[in-house]
Amino acid sequence: MFKIEAIDPKIYRKKTRNATLIIMLMFIIIGFGTAYLAVTTLGEYSSNKVVLNLLGAFVGLMITGLIVKTWFADKAWMKESMYSWRLKRNLMHITNVLQKVKDQVDLNDEHAMKVMRFYHLGLQQMHQLEDNNHALVDLGAEKRELEVKMTELGQELNQTEFDPQWIEIYKTD
């Protein structure tokens, strides 16, 4: 179950920038190291140093990804980055079946309205966190229309939780 959390956009941008810089620095060090090792150890077997450099950099990228996933993903300095990654992943689950959910909303399906409400609130938060004001304006009309429909049906508007299992019924054809 994923829950939308209240995060200050300025703090979010600062912390995600810091996490990105740390990971970039780590990748630069590991990537240069593995690229150098690839050229020095495999250089006598290949005359194409560019390919060896790219191969070494790719290995460095894989090592960096493994380190981040294994040791850094649960650290406090990565909290905001991991939160936004999980939020985007949950929004993508809904995006994959969005037309079917919208069709069900048009038929006054309360479950679909809850999913759509979470989708709107999640998109709104992502746009606010990433300072994308133009997308917020585009989202406004559709969001207000759903709010009116949910209010008329007596549904709760504060739909800040989402379970990916909720959309399984919309995946079938």
C-alpha atoms as a PDB file:
ATOM      1  CA  MET A   1       0.000   0.000   0.000  1.00  0.00           C
ATOM      2  CA  PHE A   2       1.426   3.345  -1.046  1.00  0.00           C
ATOM      3  CA  LYS A   3       0.460   6.531   0.788  1.00  0.00           C
ATOM      4  CA  ILE A   4       0.947  10.092  -0.420  1.00  0.00           C
ATOM      5  CA  GLU A   5       3.044  11.995   2.119  1.00  0.00           C
ATOM      6  CA  ALA A   6       3.249  15.727   2.702  1.00  0.00           C
ATOM      7  CA  ILE A   7       6.639  16.918   1.444  1.00  0.00           C
ATOM      8  CA  ASP A   8       7.830  20.502   1.097  1.00  0.00           C
ATOM      9  CA  PRO A   9       8.772  21.007  -2.583  1.00  0.00           C
ATOM     10  CA  LYS A  10      11.817  23.151  -1.745  1.00  0.00           C
ATOM     11  CA  ILE A  11      13.198  20.534   0.635  1.00  0.00           C
ATOM     12  CA  TYR A  12      12.365  17.806  -1.886  1.00  0.00           C
ATOM     13  CA  ARG A  13      14.295  19.529  -4.680  1.00  0.00           C
ATOM     14  CA  LYS A  14      17.269  20.233  -2.406  1.00  0.00           C
ATOM     15  CA  LYS A  15      17.493  16.678  -1.078  1.00  0.00           C
ATOM     16  CA  THR A  16      16.999  15.008  -4.456  1.00  0.00           C
ATOM     17  CA  ARG A  17      19.671  17.293  -5.953  1.00  0.00           C
ATOM     18  CA  ASN A  18      22.085  16.291  -3.170  1.00  0.00           C
ATOM     19  CA  ALA A  19      21.306  12.582  -3.620  1.00  0.00           C
ATOM     20  CA  THR A  20      21.825  12.925  -7.377  1.00  0.00           C
ATOM     21  CA  LEU A  21      25.183  14.618  -6.884  1.00  0.00           C
ATOM     22  CA  ILE A  22      26.342  11.896  -4.478  1.00  0.00           C
ATOM     23  CA  ILE A  23      25.328   9.124  -6.870  1.00  0.00           C
ATOM     24  CA  MET A  24      26.848  10.946  -9.859  1.00  0.00           C
ATOM     25  CA  LEU A  25      30.139  11.371  -8.016  1.00  0.00           C
ATOM     26  CA  MET A  26      30.127   7.713  -7.071  1.00  0.00           C
ATOM     27  CA  PHE A  27      29.400   6.717 -10.690  1.00  0.00           C
ATOM     28  CA  ILE A  28      32.161   8.963 -12.011  1.00  0.00           C
ATOM     29  CA  ILE A  29      34.694   7.352  -9.701  1.00  0.00           C
ATOM     30  CA  ILE A  30      33.525   3.793 -10.308  1.00  0.00           C
ATOM     31  CA  GLY A  31      32.915   4.365 -14.042  1.00  0.00           C
ATOM     32  CA  PHE A  32      36.357   5.862 -14.648  1.00  0.00           C
ATOM     33  CA  GLY A  33      37.914   3.077 -12.594  1.00  0.00           C
ATOM     34  CA  THR A  34      36.194   0.274 -14.457  1.00  0.00           C
ATOM     35  CA  ALA A  35      36.788   1.944 -17.835  1.00  0.00           C
ATOM     36  CA  TYR A  36      40.498   2.267 -17.012  1.00  0.00           C
ATOM     37  CA  LEU A  37      40.628  -1.363 -15.871  1.00  0.00           C
ATOM     38  CA  ALA A  38      38.856  -2.523 -19.031  1.00  0.00           C
ATOM     39  CA  VAL A  39      41.359  -0.727 -21.254  1.00  0.00           C
ATOM     40  CA  THR A  40      44.433  -1.829 -19.292  1.00  0.00           C
ATOM     41  CA  THR A  41      43.404  -5.463 -18.838  1.00  0.00           C
ATOM     42  CA  LEU A  42      41.704  -6.072 -22.188  1.00  0.00           C
ATOM     43  CA  GLY A  43      43.616  -3.548 -24.307  1.00  0.00           C
ATOM     44  CA  GLU A  44      46.051  -6.107 -25.668  1.00  0.00           C
ATOM     45  CA  TYR A  45      43.126  -8.160 -27.051  1.00  0.00           C
ATOM     46  CA  SER A  46      41.374  -5.280 -28.806  1.00  0.00           C
ATOM     47  CA  SER A  47      42.543  -2.300 -30.801  1.00  0.00           C
ATOM     48  CA  ASN A  48      39.275  -0.443 -30.208  1.00  0.00           C
ATOM     49  CA  LYS A  49      39.805   1.458 -26.942  1.00  0.00           C
ATOM     50  CA  VAL A  50      36.500   3.345 -27.271  1.00  0.00           C
ATOM     51  CA  VAL A  51      34.500   0.122 -27.057  1.00  0.00           C
ATOM     52  CA  LEU A  52      36.538  -0.963 -24.034  1.00  0.00           C
ATOM     53  CA  ASN A  53      35.976   2.404 -22.370  1.00  0.00           C
ATOM     54  CA  LEU A  54      32.219   2.157 -22.986  1.00  0.00           C
ATOM     55  CA  LEU A  55      32.169  -1.411 -21.725  1.00  0.00           C
ATOM     56  CA  GLY A  56      34.015  -0.375 -18.564  1.00  0.00           C
ATOM     57  CA  ALA A  57      31.696   2.597 -18.033  1.00  0.00           C
ATOM     58  CA  PHE A  58      28.658   0.330 -18.474  1.00  0.00           C
ATOM     59  CA  VAL A  59      30.044  -2.097 -15.885  1.00  0.00           C
ATOM     60  CA  GLY A  60      30.613   0.911 -13.595  1.00  0.00           C
ATOM     61  CA  LEU A  61      27.010   1.967 -14.094  1.00  0.00           C
ATOM     62  CA  MET A  62      25.788  -1.510 -13.167  1.00  0.00           C
ATOM     63  CA  ILE A  63      28.003  -1.562 -10.055  1.00  0.00           C
ATOM     64  CA  THR A  64      26.763   1.894  -9.041  1.00  0.00           C
ATOM     65  CA  GLY A  65      23.140   0.823  -9.510  1.00  0.00           C
ATOM     66  CA  LEU A  66      23.726  -2.272  -7.393  1.00  0.00           C
ATOM     67  CA  ILE A  67      25.361  -0.232  -4.624  1.00  0.00           C
ATOM     68  CA  VAL A  68      22.510   2.298  -4.606  1.00  0.00           C
ATOM     69  CA  LYS A  69      19.821  -0.399  -4.571  1.00  0.00           C
ATOM     70  CA  THR A  70      21.543  -2.552  -1.958  1.00  0.00           C
ATOM     71  CA  TRP A  71      22.977  -0.049   0.503  1.00  0.00           C
ATOM     72  CA  PHE A  72      21.653   3.451  -0.150  1.00  0.00           C
ATOM     73  CA  ALA A  73      17.957   3.036  -1.002  1.00  0.00           C
ATOM     74  CA  ASP A  74      16.883   2.989   2.660  1.00  0.00           C
ATOM     75  CA  LYS A  75      19.141   5.805   3.860  1.00  0.00           C
ATOM     76  CA  ALA A  76      17.656   9.075   5.116  1.00  0.00           C
ATOM     77  CA  TRP A  77      19.393  11.168   2.433  1.00  0.00           C
ATOM     78  CA  MET A  78      17.653   9.073  -0.265  1.00  0.00           C
ATOM     79  CA  LYS A  79      14.156   9.209   1.296  1.00  0.00           C
ATOM     80  CA  GLU A  80      12.729  11.872  -1.024  1.00  0.00           C
ATOM     81  CA  SER A  81      14.238  10.321  -4.158  1.00  0.00           C
ATOM     82  CA  MET A  82      12.898   6.881  -3.299  1.00  0.00           C
ATOM     83  CA  TYR A  83       9.484   8.336  -2.408  1.00  0.00           C
ATOM     84  CA  SER A  84       9.187  10.088  -5.777  1.00  0.00           C
ATOM     85  CA  TRP A  85      10.333   6.937  -7.567  1.00  0.00           C
ATOM     86  CA  ARG A  86       7.632   4.880  -5.801  1.00  0.00           C
ATOM     87  CA  LEU A  87       4.990   7.557  -6.463  1.00  0.00           C
ATOM     88  CA  LYS A  88       5.859   7.690 -10.170  1.00  0.00           C
ATOM     89  CA  ARG A  89       5.813   3.906 -10.363  1.00  0.00           C
ATOM     90  CA  ASN A  90       2.321   3.764  -8.828  1.00  0.00           C
ATOM     91  CA  LEU A  91       1.097   6.523 -11.128  1.00  0.00           C
ATOM     92  CA  MET A  92       2.478   4.569 -14.090  1.00  0.00           C
ATOM     93  CA  HIS A  93       0.482   1.502 -13.016  1.00  0.00           C
ATOM     94  CA  ILE A  94      -2.648   3.631 -13.280  1.00  0.00           C
ATOM     95  CA  THR A  95      -1.530   5.295 -16.513  1.00  0.00           C
ATOM     96  CA  ASN A  96      -1.278   1.865 -18.133  1.00  0.00           C
ATOM     97  CA  VAL A  97      -5.024   1.308 -17.612  1.00  0.00           C
ATOM     98  CA  LEU A  98      -6.106   4.951 -17.515  1.00  0.00           C
ATOM     99  CA  GLN A  99      -8.619   4.804 -20.362  1.00  0.00           C
ATOM    100  CA  LYS A 100     -10.427   1.843 -18.806  1.00  0.00           C
ATOM    101  CA  VAL A 101     -10.498   3.620 -15.438  1.00  0.00           C
ATOM    102  CA  LYS A 102     -11.889   6.773 -17.083  1.00  0.00           C
ATOM    103  CA  ASP A 103     -14.553   4.723 -18.850  1.00  0.00           C
ATOM    104  CA  GLN A 104     -15.618   3.256 -15.517  1.00  0.00           C
ATOM    105  CA  VAL A 105     -15.631   6.713 -13.897  1.00  0.00           C
ATOM    106  CA  ASP A 106     -18.046   7.806 -16.624  1.00  0.00           C
ATOM    107  CA  LEU A 107     -20.273   4.902 -15.533  1.00  0.00           C
ATOM    108  CA  ASN A 108     -20.125   6.143 -11.891  1.00  0.00           C
ATOM    109  CA  ASP A 109     -18.012   3.198 -10.699  1.00  0.00           C
ATOM    110  CA  GLU A 110     -16.985   4.221  -7.164  1.00  0.00           C
ATOM    111  CA  HIS A 111     -13.865   2.042  -7.170  1.00  0.00           C
ATOM    112  CA  ALA A 112     -12.658   3.645 -10.402  1.00  0.00           C
ATOM    113  CA  MET A 113     -13.322   7.084  -8.921  1.00  0.00           C
ATOM    114  CA  LYS A 114     -11.106   6.264  -5.933  1.00  0.00           C
ATOM    115  CA  VAL A 115      -8.323   5.124  -8.257  1.00  0.00           C
ATOM    116  CA  MET A 116      -8.734   8.235 -10.406  1.00  0.00           C
ATOM    117  CA  ARG A 117      -8.763  10.500  -7.344  1.00  0.00           C
ATOM    118  CA  PHE A 118      -5.480   8.992  -6.135  1.00  0.00           C
ATOM    119  CA  TYR A 119      -4.097   9.470  -9.651  1.00  0.00           C
ATOM    120  CA  HIS A 120      -5.051  13.152  -9.637  1.00  0.00           C
ATOM    121  CA  LEU A 121      -3.648  13.749  -6.143  1.00  0.00           C
ATOM    122  CA  GLY A 122      -0.432  11.897  -7.007  1.00  0.00           C
ATOM    123  CA  LEU A 123       0.037  13.817 -10.264  1.00  0.00           C
ATOM    124  CA  GLN A 124      -0.680  17.069  -8.476  1.00  0.00           C
ATOM    125  CA  GLN A 125       1.985  16.303  -5.886  1.00  0.00           C
ATOM    126  CA  MET A 126       4.575  15.286  -8.500  1.00  0.00           C
ATOM    127  CA  HIS A 127       3.939  18.466 -10.470  1.00  0.00           C
ATOM    128  CA  GLN A 128       4.275  20.547  -7.297  1.00  0.00           C
ATOM    129  CA  LEU A 129       7.456  18.757  -6.211  1.00  0.00           C
ATOM    130  CA  GLU A 130       9.018  19.196  -9.638  1.00  0.00           C
ATOM    131  CA  ASP A 131       7.732  22.788  -9.967  1.00  0.00           C
ATOM    132  CA  ASN A 132       5.742  22.007 -13.119  1.00  0.00           C
ATOM    133  CA  ASN A 133       3.029  24.668 -12.840  1.00  0.00           C
ATOM    134  CA  HIS A 134       1.858  24.340 -16.452  1.00  0.00           C
ATOM    135  CA  ALA A 135       0.892  20.684 -15.951  1.00  0.00           C
ATOM    136  CA  LEU A 136      -0.990  21.638 -12.766  1.00  0.00           C
ATOM    137  CA  VAL A 137      -3.235  23.955 -14.792  1.00  0.00           C
ATOM    138  CA  ASP A 138      -3.937  21.190 -17.326  1.00  0.00           C
ATOM    139  CA  LEU A 139      -4.906  18.784 -14.544  1.00  0.00           C
ATOM    140  CA  GLY A 140      -7.286  21.217 -12.824  1.00  0.00           C
ATOM    141  CA  ALA A 141     -10.471  20.852 -14.899  1.00  0.00           C
ATOM    142  CA  GLU A 142     -10.487  17.054 -14.929  1.00  0.00           C
ATOM    143  CA  LYS A 143      -9.729  16.991 -11.205  1.00  0.00           C
ATOM    144  CA  ARG A 144     -12.577  19.383 -10.343  1.00  0.00           C
ATOM    145  CA  GLU A 145     -15.035  17.406 -12.479  1.00  0.00           C
ATOM    146  CA  LEU A 146     -14.187  14.221 -10.594  1.00  0.00           C
ATOM    147  CA  GLU A 147     -14.444  16.019  -7.230  1.00  0.00           C
ATOM    148  CA  VAL A 148     -17.969  17.170  -8.055  1.00  0.00           C
ATOM    149  CA  LYS A 149     -18.995  13.669  -9.128  1.00  0.00           C
ATOM    150  CA  MET A 150     -17.511  12.088  -5.985  1.00  0.00           C
ATOM    151  CA  THR A 151     -19.134  14.681  -3.720  1.00  0.00           C
ATOM    152  CA  GLU A 152     -22.532  14.028  -5.307  1.00  0.00           C
ATOM    153  CA  LEU A 153     -22.102  10.309  -4.591  1.00  0.00           C
ATOM    154  CA  GLY A 154     -20.953  10.989  -1.016  1.00  0.00           C
ATOM    155  CA  GLN A 155     -17.442   9.610  -1.530  1.00  0.00           C
ATOM    156  CA  GLU A 156     -14.349  10.615   0.445  1.00  0.00           C
ATOM    157  CA  LEU A 157     -12.137  13.038  -1.508  1.00  0.00           C
ATOM    158  CA  ASN A 158      -9.019  12.411   0.576  1.00  0.00           C
ATOM    159  CA  GLN A 159      -7.859   9.337  -1.384  1.00  0.00           C
ATOM    160  CA  THR A 160      -4.153   9.360  -0.489  1.00  0.00           C
ATOM    161  CA  GLU A 161      -3.620   5.599  -0.417  1.00  0.00           C
ATOM    162  CA  PHE A 162      -3.238   3.228  -3.338  1.00  0.00           C
ATOM    163  CA  ASP A 163      -2.702  -0.490  -3.687  1.00  0.00           C
ATOM    164  CA  PRO A 164      -1.578  -1.659  -7.156  1.00  0.00           C
ATOM    165  CA  GLN A 165      -3.937  -4.630  -6.765  1.00  0.00           C
ATOM    166  CA  TRP A 166      -6.842  -2.195  -7.135  1.00  0.00           C
ATOM    167  CA  ILE A 167      -6.265  -1.878 -10.866  1.00  0.00           C
ATOM    168  CA  GLU A 168      -5.998  -5.598 -11.629  1.00  0.00           C
ATOM    169  CA  ILE A 169      -9.664  -5.633 -12.679  1.00  0.00           C
ATOM    170  CA  TYR A 170      -8.926  -3.019 -15.362  1.00  0.00           C
ATOM    171  CA  LYS A 171      -6.069  -5.015 -16.906  1.00  0.00           C
ATOM    172  CA  THR A 172      -8.272  -7.740 -18.319  1.00  0.00           C
ATOM    173  CA  ASP A 173      -9.582  -7.406 -21.837  1.00  0.00           C
END
